[in-house]
Amino acid sequence: MANRTKVTQQKRARERAKQERQQEKTRRREEAKTRKANEPQQPGGGDEDPDIAGIIPGPQPRPWDDDIEDAPEDKQE
């Protein structure tokens, strides 16, 4: 029967740790909620994906213009 007290104490410690973690999560969620509420809204309603913001539909300029050169001129020496 002596083993039960050790198990009970361990269980209480686990439960206390679990409650502390839950309180920490709740606190972090509240902080995130207030931080989001205080942030200024992005122009355009924030519905636009930031990865593709500013991309215009249609042909895009070539990122490596130096690879494609004009037709080589015939050199006559």
N, C-alpha and C. Protein backbone atom coordinates (compact mmCIF):
# COMPACT_ATOMS: atom_id res chain seq x y z
N MET A 1 0.81 -1.20 0.00
CA MET A 1 0.00 0.00 0.00
C MET A 1 0.85 1.26 0.00
N ALA A 2 2.09 1.15 0.32
CA ALA A 2 2.95 2.33 0.36
C ALA A 2 3.18 2.89 -1.04
N ASN A 3 3.10 2.05 -2.04
CA ASN A 3 3.33 2.50 -3.42
C ASN A 3 2.24 3.45 -3.90
N ARG A 4 1.06 3.35 -3.35
CA ARG A 4 -0.04 4.20 -3.80
C ARG A 4 0.23 5.68 -3.55
N THR A 5 0.87 6.00 -2.46
CA THR A 5 1.12 7.41 -2.20
C THR A 5 2.05 8.01 -3.23
N LYS A 6 3.05 7.23 -3.65
CA LYS A 6 3.98 7.72 -4.65
C LYS A 6 3.26 7.93 -5.98
N VAL A 7 2.42 6.98 -6.36
CA VAL A 7 1.66 7.09 -7.59
C VAL A 7 0.72 8.28 -7.52
N THR A 8 0.07 8.45 -6.39
CA THR A 8 -0.86 9.56 -6.22
C THR A 8 -0.13 10.90 -6.33
N GLN A 9 1.04 10.99 -5.72
CA GLN A 9 1.80 12.23 -5.80
C GLN A 9 2.26 12.51 -7.22
N GLN A 10 2.66 11.47 -7.93
CA GLN A 10 3.07 11.65 -9.32
C GLN A 10 1.88 12.10 -10.17
N LYS A 11 0.73 11.49 -9.91
CA LYS A 11 -0.46 11.86 -10.68
C LYS A 11 -0.83 13.31 -10.41
N ARG A 12 -0.77 13.72 -9.16
CA ARG A 12 -1.07 15.12 -8.83
C ARG A 12 -0.09 16.07 -9.50
N ALA A 13 1.18 15.68 -9.53
CA ALA A 13 2.19 16.52 -10.19
C ALA A 13 1.90 16.62 -11.68
N ARG A 14 1.53 15.51 -12.30
CA ARG A 14 1.19 15.53 -13.73
C ARG A 14 -0.03 16.40 -13.98
N GLU A 15 -1.03 16.28 -13.13
CA GLU A 15 -2.24 17.09 -13.31
C GLU A 15 -1.94 18.57 -13.13
N ARG A 16 -1.09 18.91 -12.15
CA ARG A 16 -0.70 20.30 -11.95
C ARG A 16 0.04 20.83 -13.18
N ALA A 17 0.95 20.02 -13.70
CA ALA A 17 1.70 20.43 -14.89
C ALA A 17 0.75 20.60 -16.07
N LYS A 18 -0.22 19.72 -16.20
CA LYS A 18 -1.19 19.82 -17.29
C LYS A 18 -2.00 21.10 -17.16
N GLN A 19 -2.44 21.43 -15.94
CA GLN A 19 -3.20 22.66 -15.73
C GLN A 19 -2.36 23.89 -16.05
N GLU A 20 -1.08 23.87 -15.66
CA GLU A 20 -0.20 25.00 -15.95
C GLU A 20 -0.01 25.17 -17.46
N ARG A 21 0.17 24.06 -18.18
CA ARG A 21 0.31 24.14 -19.63
C ARG A 21 -0.96 24.70 -20.26
N GLN A 22 -2.11 24.26 -19.76
CA GLN A 22 -3.38 24.75 -20.30
C GLN A 22 -3.54 26.25 -20.04
N GLN A 23 -3.16 26.70 -18.85
CA GLN A 23 -3.24 28.12 -18.54
C GLN A 23 -2.29 28.92 -19.44
N GLU A 24 -1.10 28.38 -19.69
CA GLU A 24 -0.14 29.05 -20.57
C GLU A 24 -0.69 29.15 -21.98
N LYS A 25 -1.31 28.07 -22.46
CA LYS A 25 -1.91 28.10 -23.80
C LYS A 25 -3.01 29.15 -23.87
N THR A 26 -3.85 29.21 -22.86
CA THR A 26 -4.94 30.18 -22.83
C THR A 26 -4.39 31.60 -22.84
N ARG A 27 -3.34 31.83 -22.06
CA ARG A 27 -2.72 33.15 -22.00
C ARG A 27 -2.15 33.53 -23.36
N ARG A 28 -1.44 32.57 -24.03
CA ARG A 28 -0.87 32.86 -25.34
C ARG A 28 -1.95 33.13 -26.38
N ARG A 29 -3.05 32.39 -26.31
CA ARG A 29 -4.16 32.62 -27.25
C ARG A 29 -4.74 34.02 -27.07
N GLU A 30 -4.92 34.44 -25.83
CA GLU A 30 -5.45 35.77 -25.55
C GLU A 30 -4.49 36.85 -26.07
N GLU A 31 -3.18 36.64 -25.85
CA GLU A 31 -2.20 37.61 -26.34
C GLU A 31 -2.24 37.70 -27.87
N ALA A 32 -2.34 36.56 -28.52
CA ALA A 32 -2.39 36.56 -29.99
C ALA A 32 -3.66 37.26 -30.47
N LYS A 33 -4.76 37.03 -29.78
CA LYS A 33 -6.02 37.65 -30.17
C LYS A 33 -5.93 39.18 -30.04
N THR A 34 -5.37 39.67 -28.95
CA THR A 34 -5.25 41.11 -28.76
C THR A 34 -4.24 41.70 -29.75
N ARG A 35 -3.16 40.95 -30.05
CA ARG A 35 -2.16 41.42 -31.00
C ARG A 35 -2.78 41.55 -32.39
N LYS A 36 -3.58 40.57 -32.79
CA LYS A 36 -4.23 40.64 -34.10
C LYS A 36 -5.24 41.77 -34.15
N ALA A 37 -5.93 42.01 -33.05
CA ALA A 37 -6.93 43.08 -33.02
C ALA A 37 -6.26 44.45 -33.12
N ASN A 38 -5.05 44.58 -32.57
CA ASN A 38 -4.35 45.86 -32.57
C ASN A 38 -3.55 46.10 -33.84
N GLU A 39 -3.31 45.08 -34.65
CA GLU A 39 -2.55 45.25 -35.89
C GLU A 39 -3.37 46.05 -36.90
N PRO A 40 -2.70 46.93 -37.64
CA PRO A 40 -3.43 47.65 -38.69
C PRO A 40 -3.81 46.67 -39.80
N GLN A 41 -4.97 46.91 -40.39
CA GLN A 41 -5.44 46.04 -41.47
C GLN A 41 -4.62 46.30 -42.72
N GLN A 42 -4.36 45.24 -43.48
CA GLN A 42 -3.61 45.37 -44.73
C GLN A 42 -4.52 45.98 -45.79
N PRO A 43 -3.96 46.80 -46.66
CA PRO A 43 -4.79 47.37 -47.73
C PRO A 43 -5.33 46.26 -48.62
N GLY A 44 -6.52 46.43 -49.11
CA GLY A 44 -7.13 45.43 -49.96
C GLY A 44 -7.90 44.39 -49.18
N GLY A 45 -8.08 44.61 -47.90
CA GLY A 45 -8.86 43.69 -47.09
C GLY A 45 -8.07 42.50 -46.58
N GLY A 46 -6.82 42.33 -47.02
CA GLY A 46 -6.02 41.23 -46.54
C GLY A 46 -6.38 39.89 -47.16
N ASP A 47 -7.21 39.91 -48.21
CA ASP A 47 -7.60 38.66 -48.85
C ASP A 47 -6.57 38.18 -49.86
N GLU A 48 -5.63 39.05 -50.24
CA GLU A 48 -4.66 38.70 -51.26
C GLU A 48 -3.50 37.94 -50.64
N ASP A 49 -3.05 36.91 -51.33
CA ASP A 49 -1.92 36.12 -50.88
C ASP A 49 -0.65 36.96 -51.02
N PRO A 50 0.14 37.11 -49.97
CA PRO A 50 1.33 37.96 -50.06
C PRO A 50 2.38 37.40 -51.01
N ASP A 51 2.36 36.09 -51.28
CA ASP A 51 3.34 35.51 -52.19
C ASP A 51 3.10 35.94 -53.63
N ILE A 52 1.86 36.20 -53.98
CA ILE A 52 1.55 36.56 -55.37
C ILE A 52 1.07 38.01 -55.49
N ALA A 53 1.26 38.79 -54.46
CA ALA A 53 0.83 40.18 -54.49
C ALA A 53 1.63 40.94 -55.53
N GLY A 54 0.94 41.71 -56.35
CA GLY A 54 1.60 42.55 -57.34
C GLY A 54 1.91 41.87 -58.66
N ILE A 55 1.56 40.61 -58.79
CA ILE A 55 1.81 39.92 -60.06
C ILE A 55 0.68 40.24 -61.01
N ILE A 56 1.03 40.63 -62.21
CA ILE A 56 0.04 41.00 -63.22
C ILE A 56 -0.21 39.79 -64.12
N PRO A 57 -1.46 39.47 -64.40
CA PRO A 57 -1.74 38.34 -65.28
C PRO A 57 -1.18 38.58 -66.68
N GLY A 58 -0.73 37.52 -67.31
CA GLY A 58 -0.20 37.64 -68.66
C GLY A 58 1.27 37.31 -68.69
N PRO A 59 1.89 37.54 -69.82
CA PRO A 59 3.32 37.23 -69.94
C PRO A 59 4.14 38.05 -68.95
N GLN A 60 5.10 37.40 -68.35
CA GLN A 60 5.97 38.05 -67.38
C GLN A 60 7.32 38.32 -68.02
N PRO A 61 8.02 39.35 -67.58
CA PRO A 61 9.36 39.60 -68.12
C PRO A 61 10.29 38.45 -67.73
N ARG A 62 11.25 38.19 -68.58
CA ARG A 62 12.18 37.10 -68.31
C ARG A 62 13.11 37.52 -67.19
N PRO A 63 13.29 36.66 -66.21
CA PRO A 63 14.18 37.04 -65.09
C PRO A 63 15.65 37.01 -65.47
N TRP A 64 16.01 36.28 -66.53
CA TRP A 64 17.40 36.18 -66.94
C TRP A 64 17.53 36.68 -68.37
N ASP A 65 17.54 37.99 -68.54
CA ASP A 65 17.64 38.57 -69.87
C ASP A 65 19.02 38.36 -70.48
N ASP A 66 20.03 38.13 -69.68
CA ASP A 66 21.38 37.99 -70.21
C ASP A 66 21.57 36.64 -70.91
N ASP A 67 20.74 35.65 -70.66
CA ASP A 67 20.86 34.35 -71.32
C ASP A 67 20.46 34.43 -72.79
N ILE A 68 19.49 35.25 -73.06
CA ILE A 68 19.00 35.37 -74.43
C ILE A 68 19.52 36.69 -74.99
N GLU A 69 20.40 36.56 -75.95
CA GLU A 69 20.99 37.75 -76.54
C GLU A 69 20.44 37.92 -77.95
N ASP A 70 20.66 39.08 -78.51
CA ASP A 70 20.25 39.31 -79.89
C ASP A 70 21.06 38.38 -80.80
N ALA A 71 20.60 38.25 -82.02
CA ALA A 71 21.29 37.39 -82.97
C ALA A 71 22.74 37.85 -83.10
N PRO A 72 23.67 36.91 -83.07
CA PRO A 72 25.09 37.31 -83.16
C PRO A 72 25.38 37.95 -84.52
N GLU A 73 26.12 39.01 -84.48
CA GLU A 73 26.48 39.72 -85.70
C GLU A 73 27.65 39.02 -86.36
N ASP A 74 27.64 39.00 -87.69
CA ASP A 74 28.76 38.40 -88.42
C ASP A 74 29.93 39.38 -88.35
N LYS A 75 31.02 38.88 -87.84
CA LYS A 75 32.20 39.73 -87.75
C LYS A 75 33.06 39.50 -88.99
N GLN A 76 33.32 40.58 -89.68
CA GLN A 76 34.17 40.48 -90.85
C GLN A 76 35.47 41.22 -90.56
N GLU A 77 36.52 40.48 -90.58
CA GLU A 77 37.82 41.11 -90.29
C GLU A 77 38.68 41.15 -91.49
